[in-house]
Amino acid sequence: MLESMNMVKVDIIRTLELKVQIPFGESEKLINTLIDLVKDKLMSGESVMISGFGRFELKDKAPRSGRNPKTKEIHQIDARRVVTFHPSRVWKEQLISSN
């Protein structure tokens, strides 16, 4: 089903459609609702933990100095917010043992 090495949102929707045997529109609505829920919780400052999968968190990064590797020029990198993902211990162990 996948033509490339990257799974995109529509691939997830189609996989859900086939595995659960629900219409594409319902699968799309479920995935969009899940994504919106995760985004809303992160934006409100909460982390999102999915047992057996992992935890999503929104972190604030402080401003810092950076260096352009080509010119060696130092410049200021602005403060920003980033989403981080930490896989669950169980899943991480499965990933490690599968190699």
Protein backbone atom coordinates (compact mmCIF):
# COMPACT_ATOMS: atom_id res chain seq x y z
CA MET A 1 0.00 0.00 0.00
CA LEU A 2 2.80 2.43 0.82
CA GLU A 3 4.74 3.64 -2.18
CA SER A 4 7.40 5.50 -0.22
CA MET A 5 9.27 4.93 3.02
CA ASN A 6 7.29 7.68 4.76
CA MET A 7 3.78 7.09 6.04
CA VAL A 8 1.64 10.18 5.59
CA LYS A 9 -1.72 11.05 7.09
CA VAL A 10 -3.75 9.59 4.23
CA ASP A 11 -1.87 6.28 4.62
CA ILE A 12 -2.85 6.17 8.28
CA ILE A 13 -6.47 6.91 7.37
CA ARG A 14 -6.53 4.18 4.69
CA THR A 15 -4.89 1.66 7.03
CA LEU A 16 -7.48 2.42 9.72
CA GLU A 17 -10.24 2.12 7.11
CA LEU A 18 -9.03 -1.35 6.10
CA LYS A 19 -8.16 -2.74 9.55
CA VAL A 20 -11.31 -1.57 11.32
CA GLN A 21 -13.51 -1.82 8.20
CA ILE A 22 -15.09 1.60 8.51
CA PRO A 23 -15.65 4.10 5.68
CA PHE A 24 -12.78 6.38 4.64
CA GLY A 25 -14.72 9.46 5.83
CA GLU A 26 -15.13 8.05 9.33
CA SER A 27 -11.47 7.04 9.47
CA GLU A 28 -10.47 10.54 8.39
CA LYS A 29 -12.73 12.09 11.04
CA LEU A 30 -11.24 9.86 13.77
CA ILE A 31 -7.64 10.69 12.82
CA ASN A 32 -8.38 14.42 12.51
CA THR A 33 -10.13 14.39 15.89
CA LEU A 34 -7.18 12.60 17.51
CA ILE A 35 -4.70 15.08 16.00
CA ASP A 36 -6.82 18.05 17.08
CA LEU A 37 -7.12 16.64 20.60
CA VAL A 38 -3.34 16.19 20.91
CA LYS A 39 -2.70 19.71 19.55
CA ASP A 40 -5.28 21.28 21.88
CA LYS A 41 -3.87 19.55 24.96
CA LEU A 42 -0.30 20.51 24.08
CA MET A 43 -1.27 24.13 23.43
CA SER A 44 -2.97 24.28 26.83
CA GLY A 45 0.26 23.16 28.51
CA GLU A 46 -0.66 19.53 29.13
CA SER A 47 1.38 16.55 28.01
CA VAL A 48 -0.32 13.70 26.15
CA MET A 49 0.56 10.15 27.16
CA ILE A 50 -0.57 7.15 25.15
CA SER A 51 0.14 3.96 27.12
CA GLY A 52 2.39 1.56 25.25
CA PHE A 53 3.33 4.26 22.72
CA GLY A 54 4.77 7.36 24.32
CA ARG A 55 4.39 10.91 25.63
CA PHE A 56 4.14 14.18 23.70
CA GLU A 57 5.20 17.38 25.46
CA LEU A 58 5.48 21.05 24.53
CA LYS A 59 8.74 22.55 25.79
CA ASP A 60 10.02 26.10 25.85
CA LYS A 61 13.57 26.54 24.59
CA ALA A 62 15.58 29.51 25.84
CA PRO A 63 17.35 31.86 23.44
CA ARG A 64 20.94 30.90 22.76
CA SER A 65 23.93 31.74 20.63
CA GLY A 66 24.52 29.76 17.48
CA ARG A 67 27.24 29.63 14.86
CA ASN A 68 26.87 29.48 11.09
CA PRO A 69 29.07 26.50 10.14
CA LYS A 70 30.04 28.03 6.78
CA THR A 71 30.92 31.56 7.85
CA LYS A 72 31.65 30.85 11.54
CA GLU A 73 29.54 33.95 12.29
CA ILE A 74 27.83 33.90 15.71
CA HIS A 75 24.15 34.86 15.82
CA GLN A 76 21.31 34.77 18.32
CA ILE A 77 18.74 31.95 18.07
CA ASP A 78 15.37 33.13 19.36
CA ALA A 79 13.40 31.44 22.13
CA ARG A 80 10.86 28.99 20.76
CA ARG A 81 8.45 26.23 21.66
CA VAL A 82 9.02 22.68 20.42
CA VAL A 83 7.04 19.46 20.61
CA THR A 84 8.99 16.51 21.96
CA PHE A 85 8.13 12.83 21.89
CA HIS A 86 9.40 10.23 24.35
CA PRO A 87 8.62 6.61 23.45
CA SER A 88 7.25 4.42 26.24
CA ARG A 89 9.70 2.14 28.01
CA VAL A 90 7.90 -0.97 26.71
CA TRP A 91 7.93 0.21 23.10
CA LYS A 92 11.54 1.39 23.35
CA GLU A 93 12.56 -2.09 24.56
CA GLN A 94 10.67 -3.66 21.64
CA LEU A 95 12.46 -1.37 19.19
CA ILE A 96 15.86 -2.20 20.65
CA SER A 97 15.26 -5.95 20.69
CA SER A 98 13.98 -5.98 17.08
CA ASN A 99 17.46 -5.13 15.73
